[in-house]
Amino acid sequence: MWRLIYRFRSSLILCALAAIVVFGAIGYSKGLASGFFDLSSPSSPFSWITTALSPLHNNPVQKGDRKLERLEAGLAEARVLIREAIKLRLNHTANINISLQDSHYVSQGHIYRNAFAFHRSYLLMEKLFKIYVYEEGEPPLFHYGPCKDIYSMEGVFINSMESNRQFRTENPEEAHVYFLPFSVVMILQHLFHPVIRDKAVLGRTIGDYVQIISHKYPYWNRSYGADHFMLSCHDWGPRSTWYVKELYFISIRVLCNANTSEHFNPKKDASIPEINLKTGETRGLIGGYPAWNRTILAFFAGNMHGRIRRVLFQHWKDKKDKDVVVYERLPEGFSYQEAMKKSKYCLCPSGYEVASPRIVEAIYAECVPVIISQQYVLPFSDVLKWESFSVEISVSEIPKMKEILMGIPHEEYLRMQERVKQVQRHFMVNNPPKRYDVFHMILHSIWLRRLNLHVR
């Protein structure tokens, strides 16, 4: 019996070389980078949607691979249809005849990089996309996750995926992707010893799981894990994949902690929002004061976590500035949620990790997020045009933050705030999930990455 357990630092180079070798079995569309619908970027990750599809030089298909060949043919047709939608936008066509109609919601407006492409891609996802959830593993480490804390998206997604009947398939032969349903949060909660602090428990648990499914099923070995995905919102989510080289270098990692300095790779990995559901639901979190009644220019309250917040506190903490309100600890009787709802801009600095639940808190409160981070790939940024409904401030600009925000014309603020209201639907947590909500946006991020992959 072999074990897929690797020590990251000692074997990084060897794993990288191995990853290069295994890519002979899979094909990627030409030109990978960070913005799926970013037509202005010369390094758009899925450049097949804007240029002619390059022919893929496949090996002869064996008889047992006919089903896979049909799956790939369906994905190829989806690429063509999405490319047509992009051409409509590029040609400024007024009469848009999209073959897939949607009476429920039509994506439009400045919050999208390309509304036409997203709309068609989403509808194709609903029509075609199938996910197989491996049944191996027992709760609470597998098929279960937290739903009431800062890591709630692990449990929300796992639970929603387990009960889903539209995208989940019981037949692995018709699946486009395969879900590894482990919860990093639950593994650490139940197996991580607070004194011994053996982080390799992640490697032993996940490595053994991959070993089991790769021996029992042909799908992992067929693609070296490229059409498999895991999801985690724990700070150690990226670390959990270190111990299995294919999972780290090749599989789709769906992470809240989308830090490029920690080897998050937007070519294949997907960034999702960190949402702190203290009660397990969004009741009381949605909505805020109208724009004319938002009396605070910018607001933040939180602990001294990480270098960025240290700089923020150094310049703005307890400054008695009526416009920029920054607290490490809230004064007695001061409501955090109320302050969010009556602020124009909500400061969202990274803490120890790049992701912050304050981004979604701001969107829920209809407050324009001010993102202060480094090497952070924002959630759903393949589709969403974040610069249209948020403000990004570098760490070096923190001292003049008030000047920057006050320099934004009121009309521009009103446009951004209206777009925050529009984008809110894509971050909503619903039980059961609703179309275009956060669950479906996560699925769409995975769908995009599978579209960019050709399993031979």
Protein backbone atom coordinates (compact mmCIF):
# COMPACT_ATOMS: atom_id res chain seq x y z
CA MET A 1 0.00 0.00 0.00
CA TRP A 2 1.39 3.35 -0.92
CA ARG A 3 0.56 6.56 0.90
CA LEU A 4 -0.09 9.94 -0.68
CA ILE A 5 1.47 11.89 2.18
CA TYR A 6 4.13 14.43 1.35
CA ARG A 7 6.02 16.99 3.35
CA PHE A 8 5.53 20.22 1.44
CA ARG A 9 8.82 22.04 1.88
CA SER A 10 11.12 19.09 1.35
CA SER A 11 9.37 17.92 -1.81
CA LEU A 12 8.09 21.09 -3.49
CA ILE A 13 10.48 20.90 -6.45
CA LEU A 14 9.92 17.19 -7.01
CA CYS A 15 6.15 17.68 -6.83
CA ALA A 16 6.31 20.53 -9.31
CA LEU A 17 8.25 18.35 -11.76
CA ALA A 18 5.75 15.54 -11.27
CA ALA A 19 2.89 17.93 -11.94
CA ILE A 20 4.48 19.00 -15.21
CA VAL A 21 4.79 15.38 -16.30
CA VAL A 22 1.18 14.44 -15.54
CA PHE A 23 -0.19 17.29 -17.62
CA GLY A 24 0.45 15.06 -20.61
CA ALA A 25 -2.84 13.36 -19.78
CA ILE A 26 -4.95 16.51 -19.71
CA GLY A 27 -5.31 19.53 -21.92
CA TYR A 28 -5.93 23.16 -21.07
CA SER A 29 -7.22 25.83 -23.37
CA LYS A 30 -4.62 28.33 -24.43
CA GLY A 31 -3.83 31.37 -22.29
CA LEU A 32 -4.58 30.92 -18.62
CA ALA A 33 -4.75 33.76 -16.10
CA SER A 34 -7.09 35.40 -13.63
CA GLY A 35 -10.15 36.90 -15.31
CA PHE A 36 -12.57 34.66 -17.19
CA PHE A 37 -14.59 37.41 -18.81
CA ASP A 38 -11.92 40.11 -18.65
CA LEU A 39 -11.78 40.84 -22.35
CA SER A 40 -9.30 43.66 -21.85
CA SER A 41 -6.69 41.32 -20.44
CA PRO A 42 -4.28 39.81 -22.97
CA SER A 43 -3.76 36.91 -20.57
CA SER A 44 -7.42 36.05 -20.04
CA PRO A 45 -7.53 32.55 -18.54
CA PHE A 46 -10.06 31.07 -20.88
CA SER A 47 -8.95 32.69 -24.11
CA TRP A 48 -10.87 30.14 -26.17
CA ILE A 49 -13.94 32.27 -25.50
CA THR A 50 -12.48 35.20 -27.43
CA THR A 51 -10.42 33.42 -30.10
CA ALA A 52 -10.88 30.41 -32.31
CA LEU A 53 -10.58 27.11 -30.48
CA SER A 54 -7.18 25.55 -31.01
CA PRO A 55 -7.45 21.91 -32.07
CA LEU A 56 -6.55 19.55 -29.24
CA HIS A 57 -4.29 16.72 -30.31
CA ASN A 58 -5.92 13.82 -28.47
CA ASN A 59 -4.82 10.24 -28.28
CA PRO A 60 -7.20 7.74 -29.92
CA VAL A 61 -10.23 7.25 -27.70
CA GLN A 62 -10.63 3.75 -26.28
CA LYS A 63 -14.02 2.06 -26.21
CA GLY A 64 -14.30 2.56 -22.46
CA ASP A 65 -13.79 6.29 -22.93
CA ARG A 66 -16.76 6.89 -25.24
CA LYS A 67 -18.82 8.39 -22.43
CA LEU A 68 -15.97 10.73 -21.58
CA GLU A 69 -15.71 11.68 -25.23
CA ARG A 70 -19.41 12.62 -25.26
CA LEU A 71 -18.96 14.70 -22.10
CA GLU A 72 -16.06 16.56 -23.67
CA ALA A 73 -18.05 17.12 -26.87
CA GLY A 74 -20.84 18.71 -24.83
CA LEU A 75 -18.35 21.01 -23.10
CA ALA A 76 -16.87 21.97 -26.48
CA GLU A 77 -20.34 23.00 -27.68
CA ALA A 78 -20.79 25.07 -24.51
CA ARG A 79 -17.53 26.90 -25.24
CA VAL A 80 -18.77 27.78 -28.71
CA LEU A 81 -22.08 29.11 -27.37
CA ILE A 82 -20.31 31.26 -24.76
CA ARG A 83 -17.95 32.59 -27.40
CA GLU A 84 -20.98 33.61 -29.49
CA ALA A 85 -22.36 35.56 -26.52
CA ILE A 86 -19.06 37.40 -26.17
CA LYS A 87 -19.08 38.29 -29.85
CA LEU A 88 -22.51 39.83 -29.39
CA ARG A 89 -21.06 42.13 -26.79
CA LEU A 90 -17.92 42.90 -28.76
CA ASN A 91 -19.98 43.77 -31.84
CA HIS A 92 -22.37 45.91 -29.75
CA THR A 93 -25.26 43.97 -31.21
CA ALA A 94 -28.55 45.56 -30.21
CA ASN A 95 -30.73 42.62 -31.18
CA ILE A 96 -29.45 39.87 -28.91
CA ASN A 97 -30.95 36.51 -29.78
CA ILE A 98 -29.77 34.20 -27.02
CA SER A 99 -30.93 30.65 -27.62
CA LEU A 100 -31.33 29.92 -23.91
CA GLN A 101 -33.97 32.19 -22.41
CA ASP A 102 -34.37 32.97 -18.71
CA SER A 103 -37.55 34.56 -17.42
CA HIS A 104 -36.29 34.58 -13.82
CA TYR A 105 -33.24 36.84 -14.05
CA VAL A 106 -31.13 38.34 -16.80
CA SER A 107 -27.67 39.46 -15.75
CA GLN A 108 -26.95 42.95 -16.96
CA GLY A 109 -25.20 46.12 -15.90
CA HIS A 110 -21.75 47.23 -14.87
CA ILE A 111 -21.27 44.71 -12.04
CA TYR A 112 -20.32 42.05 -14.62
CA ARG A 113 -17.20 41.76 -16.74
CA ASN A 114 -19.39 40.46 -19.53
CA ALA A 115 -23.07 40.09 -18.68
CA PHE A 116 -23.93 38.28 -21.93
CA ALA A 117 -21.22 35.66 -21.47
CA PHE A 118 -22.09 35.10 -17.81
CA HIS A 119 -25.78 34.75 -18.55
CA ARG A 120 -25.26 32.17 -21.24
CA SER A 121 -22.60 30.33 -19.26
CA TYR A 122 -24.86 30.15 -16.21
CA LEU A 123 -27.78 28.78 -18.21
CA LEU A 124 -25.55 26.20 -19.86
CA MET A 125 -24.31 25.19 -16.42
CA GLU A 126 -27.89 24.62 -15.29
CA LYS A 127 -28.59 22.56 -18.37
CA LEU A 128 -25.43 20.43 -18.51
CA PHE A 129 -23.30 20.43 -15.36
CA LYS A 130 -23.17 17.23 -13.31
CA ILE A 131 -21.21 16.60 -10.11
CA TYR A 132 -20.46 13.29 -8.47
CA VAL A 133 -20.00 13.37 -4.70
CA TYR A 134 -17.87 10.50 -3.45
CA GLU A 135 -19.89 8.56 -0.87
CA GLU A 136 -16.87 7.25 1.01
CA GLY A 137 -16.17 8.72 4.46
CA GLU A 138 -18.34 9.22 7.51
CA PRO A 139 -19.54 12.36 9.32
CA PRO A 140 -18.39 14.46 11.01
CA LEU A 141 -15.10 14.55 9.05
CA PHE A 142 -16.83 13.92 5.71
CA HIS A 143 -20.22 14.92 4.28
CA TYR A 144 -20.67 17.48 7.06
CA GLY A 145 -19.41 20.93 8.00
CA PRO A 146 -20.03 23.96 10.23
CA CYS A 147 -22.87 26.31 9.32
CA LYS A 148 -22.76 28.86 12.15
CA ASP A 149 -19.39 30.58 12.23
CA ILE A 150 -16.72 32.27 10.14
CA TYR A 151 -16.11 28.97 8.34
CA SER A 152 -19.81 28.49 7.59
CA MET A 153 -19.37 28.22 3.83
CA GLU A 154 -17.81 24.78 4.27
CA GLY A 155 -20.95 23.42 5.89
CA VAL A 156 -23.35 25.43 3.73
CA PHE A 157 -21.81 24.10 0.52
CA ILE A 158 -21.38 20.50 1.69
CA ASN A 159 -24.93 20.31 3.02
CA SER A 160 -26.40 21.94 -0.08
CA MET A 161 -24.39 19.68 -2.38
CA GLU A 162 -25.40 16.54 -0.47
CA SER A 163 -29.10 17.29 -0.87
CA ASN A 164 -28.96 18.74 -4.38
CA ARG A 165 -30.83 16.91 -7.11
CA GLN A 166 -30.23 19.23 -10.05
CA PHE A 167 -26.44 19.10 -10.29
CA ARG A 168 -25.57 16.03 -8.24
CA THR A 169 -25.57 12.75 -10.10
CA GLU A 170 -25.51 9.23 -8.70
CA ASN A 171 -23.79 8.00 -11.86
CA PRO A 172 -20.07 8.88 -11.86
CA GLU A 173 -19.87 8.10 -15.59
CA GLU A 174 -21.96 11.18 -16.43
CA ALA A 175 -20.16 13.55 -14.07
CA HIS A 176 -18.06 16.49 -15.26
CA VAL A 177 -16.37 16.92 -11.87
CA TYR A 178 -15.94 14.92 -8.67
CA PHE A 179 -16.28 16.39 -5.18
CA LEU A 180 -14.06 15.32 -2.29
CA PRO A 181 -16.49 16.00 0.59
CA PHE A 182 -14.08 16.42 3.51
CA SER A 183 -14.26 19.37 5.90
CA VAL A 184 -10.93 20.85 6.97
CA VAL A 185 -12.70 22.52 9.91
CA MET A 186 -14.12 19.24 11.18
CA ILE A 187 -10.85 17.33 10.71
CA LEU A 188 -9.03 19.90 12.83
CA GLN A 189 -11.83 20.10 15.38
CA HIS A 190 -11.88 16.35 15.98
CA LEU A 191 -8.32 15.18 15.24
CA PHE A 192 -5.99 18.15 15.85
CA HIS A 193 -4.47 18.09 19.35
CA PRO A 194 -4.07 21.63 20.78
CA VAL A 195 -0.87 20.69 22.63
CA ILE A 196 0.84 18.37 20.16
CA ARG A 197 -0.30 20.56 17.26
CA ASP A 198 0.37 17.93 14.61
CA LYS A 199 -0.76 19.65 11.42
CA ALA A 200 0.11 16.54 9.42
CA VAL A 201 -3.17 15.09 10.63
CA LEU A 202 -4.64 16.86 7.61
CA GLY A 203 -2.26 15.02 5.33
CA ARG A 204 -2.94 11.63 6.85
CA THR A 205 -6.71 12.05 6.67
CA ILE A 206 -6.96 13.60 3.21
CA GLY A 207 -4.11 11.53 1.77
CA ASP A 208 -5.72 8.29 2.90
CA TYR A 209 -9.06 9.44 1.47
CA VAL A 210 -7.54 10.15 -1.95
CA GLN A 211 -5.81 6.77 -1.79
CA ILE A 212 -9.14 5.04 -1.18
CA ILE A 213 -11.08 6.72 -3.98
CA SER A 214 -8.19 6.46 -6.46
CA HIS A 215 -8.04 2.70 -5.90
CA LYS A 216 -11.79 2.16 -5.94
CA TYR A 217 -12.65 4.37 -8.92
CA PRO A 218 -10.85 5.12 -12.21
CA TYR A 219 -11.63 8.85 -12.32
CA TRP A 220 -8.83 10.28 -10.18
CA ASN A 221 -6.12 8.40 -12.04
CA ARG A 222 -7.73 9.17 -15.41
CA SER A 223 -7.16 12.91 -15.01
CA TYR A 224 -4.61 12.94 -12.16
CA GLY A 225 -7.30 14.71 -10.15
CA ALA A 226 -7.75 17.62 -12.57
CA ASP A 227 -11.53 17.20 -12.69
CA HIS A 228 -11.80 16.81 -8.89
CA PHE A 229 -12.38 19.60 -6.42
CA MET A 230 -12.25 20.29 -2.70
CA LEU A 231 -13.65 23.25 -0.79
CA SER A 232 -12.48 24.92 2.39
CA CYS A 233 -12.89 28.22 4.22
CA HIS A 234 -10.46 27.40 7.01
CA ASP A 235 -7.20 29.35 7.18
CA TRP A 236 -5.42 26.04 6.70
CA GLY A 237 -7.49 25.10 3.68
CA PRO A 238 -4.54 25.61 1.29
CA ARG A 239 -2.24 23.72 3.68
CA SER A 240 -4.60 20.76 3.68
CA THR A 241 -3.76 20.13 0.01
CA TRP A 242 0.02 20.22 0.41
CA TYR A 243 0.26 16.54 1.24
CA VAL A 244 -1.16 15.21 -2.04
CA LYS A 245 0.77 16.60 -4.98
CA GLU A 246 -2.06 16.17 -7.51
CA LEU A 247 -4.54 17.87 -5.21
CA TYR A 248 -2.18 20.79 -4.70
CA PHE A 249 -0.91 21.30 -8.24
CA ILE A 250 -3.67 19.96 -10.48
CA SER A 251 -7.08 19.65 -8.79
CA ILE A 252 -9.56 22.51 -8.47
CA ARG A 253 -9.17 24.03 -5.01
CA VAL A 254 -12.17 26.12 -3.96
CA LEU A 255 -10.88 28.38 -1.19
CA CYS A 256 -11.82 31.40 0.87
CA ASN A 257 -8.14 32.01 1.57
CA ALA A 258 -7.29 32.83 -2.04
CA ASN A 259 -3.76 34.14 -1.52
CA THR A 260 -1.50 34.11 -4.56
CA SER A 261 1.57 34.47 -2.33
CA GLU A 262 0.59 31.10 -0.85
CA HIS A 263 0.34 29.48 -4.28
CA PHE A 264 -3.36 30.04 -4.95
CA ASN A 265 -3.53 29.56 -8.70
CA PRO A 266 -6.49 31.36 -10.36
CA LYS A 267 -5.88 29.35 -13.51
CA LYS A 268 -7.41 26.33 -11.80
CA ASP A 269 -8.42 27.37 -8.26
CA ALA A 270 -11.60 29.27 -7.38
CA SER A 271 -12.00 32.04 -4.80
CA ILE A 272 -15.20 32.05 -2.75
CA PRO A 273 -16.46 34.51 -0.12
CA GLU A 274 -15.92 34.12 3.59
CA ILE A 275 -19.32 34.56 5.26
CA ASN A 276 -19.71 34.68 9.03
CA LEU A 277 -23.17 33.30 9.80
CA LYS A 278 -23.28 33.64 13.57
CA THR A 279 -26.82 32.28 13.78
CA GLY A 280 -26.66 30.12 10.67
CA GLU A 281 -28.84 32.49 8.64
CA THR A 282 -28.78 36.01 7.18
CA ARG A 283 -31.90 37.28 8.96
CA GLY A 284 -31.29 40.83 10.24
CA LEU A 285 -28.12 41.28 8.17
CA ILE A 286 -29.66 42.43 4.90
CA GLY A 287 -30.31 46.08 4.09
CA GLY A 288 -29.30 49.43 5.50
CA TYR A 289 -30.09 53.12 5.63
CA PRO A 290 -30.70 55.03 2.39
CA ALA A 291 -27.70 56.80 0.93
CA TRP A 292 -28.83 60.24 2.12
CA ASN A 293 -29.00 59.01 5.73
CA ARG A 294 -25.59 57.35 5.95
CA THR A 295 -23.78 59.65 8.37
CA ILE A 296 -20.47 57.77 8.72
CA LEU A 297 -17.96 58.08 5.89
CA ALA A 298 -15.99 54.92 6.69
CA PHE A 299 -16.24 52.32 9.46
CA PHE A 300 -14.25 49.38 10.81
CA ALA A 301 -14.19 47.44 14.06
CA GLY A 302 -12.09 44.35 14.64
CA ASN A 303 -9.11 42.80 16.38
CA MET A 304 -5.44 43.54 15.73
CA HIS A 305 -4.84 40.70 13.30
CA GLY A 306 -1.97 40.95 10.86
CA ARG A 307 0.24 43.71 9.47
CA ILE A 308 -2.42 45.57 7.47
CA ARG A 309 -4.67 46.14 10.46
CA ARG A 310 -1.69 47.30 12.47
CA VAL A 311 -1.12 50.07 9.94
CA LEU A 312 -4.84 50.91 9.89
CA PHE A 313 -4.97 51.20 13.69
CA GLN A 314 -1.77 53.22 13.79
CA HIS A 315 -3.32 55.94 11.65
CA TRP A 316 -7.05 55.78 12.43
CA LYS A 317 -7.83 53.90 15.65
CA ASP A 318 -9.78 55.98 18.21
CA LYS A 319 -8.95 59.23 16.43
CA LYS A 320 -12.28 60.82 17.36
CA ASP A 321 -12.79 61.51 13.66
CA LYS A 322 -16.52 61.73 13.00
CA ASP A 323 -15.99 60.66 9.39
CA VAL A 324 -13.60 57.71 9.77
CA VAL A 325 -14.65 55.50 12.68
CA VAL A 326 -12.14 52.75 13.52
CA TYR A 327 -12.30 50.68 16.72
CA GLU A 328 -10.44 47.68 18.00
CA ARG A 329 -13.11 47.27 20.67
CA LEU A 330 -16.54 48.78 20.31
CA PRO A 331 -17.62 51.30 22.97
CA GLU A 332 -20.43 50.17 25.24
CA GLY A 333 -23.80 50.54 23.58
CA PHE A 334 -22.27 50.89 20.09
CA SER A 335 -23.89 48.51 17.58
CA TYR A 336 -21.57 47.00 15.00
CA GLN A 337 -24.39 46.07 12.64
CA GLU A 338 -26.04 49.47 13.00
CA ALA A 339 -22.76 51.22 12.19
CA MET A 340 -22.37 49.12 9.03
CA LYS A 341 -25.87 50.04 7.91
CA LYS A 342 -25.33 53.78 8.28
CA SER A 343 -21.82 53.95 6.78
CA LYS A 344 -21.13 54.94 3.19
CA TYR A 345 -17.95 52.88 3.01
CA CYS A 346 -17.07 49.81 5.07
CA LEU A 347 -13.36 49.10 5.54
CA CYS A 348 -12.39 45.50 4.81
CA PRO A 349 -8.71 45.05 5.74
CA SER A 350 -7.17 41.59 5.67
CA GLY A 351 -6.26 40.03 8.98
CA TYR A 352 -3.89 37.12 9.42
CA GLU A 353 -5.28 35.78 6.15
CA VAL A 354 -6.32 37.66 3.03
CA ALA A 355 -10.04 36.83 3.15
CA SER A 356 -12.33 38.88 5.36
CA PRO A 357 -16.02 38.26 6.20
CA ARG A 358 -16.45 42.05 6.30
CA ILE A 359 -16.64 42.18 2.51
CA VAL A 360 -19.89 40.23 2.50
CA GLU A 361 -21.07 41.99 5.66
CA ALA A 362 -20.65 45.27 3.78
CA ILE A 363 -22.54 43.96 0.76
CA TYR A 364 -25.36 42.75 2.99
CA ALA A 365 -25.52 46.19 4.67
CA GLU A 366 -25.52 47.90 1.23
CA CYS A 367 -22.28 49.61 2.21
CA VAL A 368 -19.56 50.07 -0.42
CA PRO A 369 -16.65 47.76 0.50
CA VAL A 370 -13.18 49.30 0.78
CA ILE A 371 -10.79 46.43 0.18
CA ILE A 372 -7.36 46.72 1.78
CA SER A 373 -5.40 43.59 0.99
CA GLN A 374 -2.42 42.15 -0.85
CA GLN A 375 -2.23 39.15 -3.19
CA TYR A 376 -5.96 38.48 -2.71
CA VAL A 377 -8.01 37.09 -5.59
CA LEU A 378 -11.51 38.39 -4.94
CA PRO A 379 -14.48 35.96 -4.99
CA PHE A 380 -16.13 35.33 -8.36
CA SER A 381 -13.78 37.85 -9.99
CA ASP A 382 -13.94 35.85 -13.25
CA VAL A 383 -17.47 37.18 -13.57
CA LEU A 384 -17.89 40.18 -11.26
CA LYS A 385 -16.33 43.54 -12.00
CA TRP A 386 -15.34 44.43 -8.45
CA GLU A 387 -14.05 47.88 -9.33
CA SER A 388 -17.61 48.89 -10.26
CA PHE A 389 -19.02 48.38 -6.75
CA SER A 390 -16.03 48.57 -4.39
CA VAL A 391 -12.97 50.68 -3.69
CA GLU A 392 -9.48 49.23 -3.46
CA ILE A 393 -6.90 51.00 -1.31
CA SER A 394 -3.29 49.89 -1.02
CA VAL A 395 -1.56 49.62 2.34
CA SER A 396 0.61 52.64 1.50
CA GLU A 397 -2.55 54.70 0.93
CA ILE A 398 -4.04 54.03 4.39
CA PRO A 399 -2.76 57.36 5.86
CA LYS A 400 -4.64 59.34 3.19
CA MET A 401 -7.69 57.06 3.14
CA LYS A 402 -10.11 59.81 4.19
CA GLU A 403 -8.86 62.08 1.44
CA ILE A 404 -9.31 59.30 -1.14
CA LEU A 405 -12.86 58.47 -0.08
CA MET A 406 -13.96 62.09 0.19
CA GLY A 407 -12.50 62.65 -3.27
CA ILE A 408 -14.98 60.22 -4.83
CA PRO A 409 -17.80 62.29 -6.38
CA HIS A 410 -21.19 61.80 -4.73
CA GLU A 411 -22.71 60.65 -8.03
CA GLU A 412 -20.06 57.95 -8.34
CA TYR A 413 -20.70 56.80 -4.75
CA LEU A 414 -24.42 56.53 -5.51
CA ARG A 415 -23.69 54.42 -8.58
CA MET A 416 -21.41 52.11 -6.59
CA GLN A 417 -23.92 51.77 -3.78
CA GLU A 418 -26.68 50.87 -6.22
CA ARG A 419 -24.41 48.22 -7.73
CA VAL A 420 -23.75 46.82 -4.25
CA LYS A 421 -27.49 46.25 -4.00
CA GLN A 422 -27.47 44.55 -7.41
CA VAL A 423 -24.56 42.23 -6.62
CA GLN A 424 -26.05 41.24 -3.25
CA ARG A 425 -28.04 38.37 -4.78
CA HIS A 426 -24.79 36.59 -5.69
CA PHE A 427 -23.68 36.48 -2.04
CA MET A 428 -26.98 35.44 -0.47
CA VAL A 429 -27.10 32.21 1.53
CA ASN A 430 -30.43 30.48 1.04
CA ASN A 431 -31.83 27.24 2.39
CA PRO A 432 -32.70 25.71 0.03
CA PRO A 433 -30.42 27.48 -2.47
CA LYS A 434 -31.93 29.82 -5.04
CA ARG A 435 -30.74 30.53 -8.57
CA TYR A 436 -27.79 32.93 -8.85
CA ASP A 437 -27.14 32.88 -5.08
CA VAL A 438 -23.77 32.13 -3.45
CA PHE A 439 -24.15 28.35 -3.77
CA HIS A 440 -24.82 28.61 -7.49
CA MET A 441 -22.04 31.16 -7.96
CA ILE A 442 -19.61 28.70 -6.37
CA LEU A 443 -20.85 26.01 -8.73
CA HIS A 444 -20.42 28.41 -11.64
CA SER A 445 -16.80 29.08 -10.64
CA ILE A 446 -16.16 25.33 -10.70
CA TRP A 447 -18.04 25.02 -14.01
CA LEU A 448 -15.79 27.65 -15.59
CA ARG A 449 -12.67 25.80 -14.54
CA ARG A 450 -14.01 22.53 -15.88
CA LEU A 451 -14.80 24.28 -19.16
CA ASN A 452 -11.16 25.23 -19.36
CA LEU A 453 -10.07 21.62 -18.99
CA HIS A 454 -10.05 18.84 -21.56
CA VAL A 455 -9.67 15.37 -20.08
CA ARG A 456 -8.25 13.08 -22.71
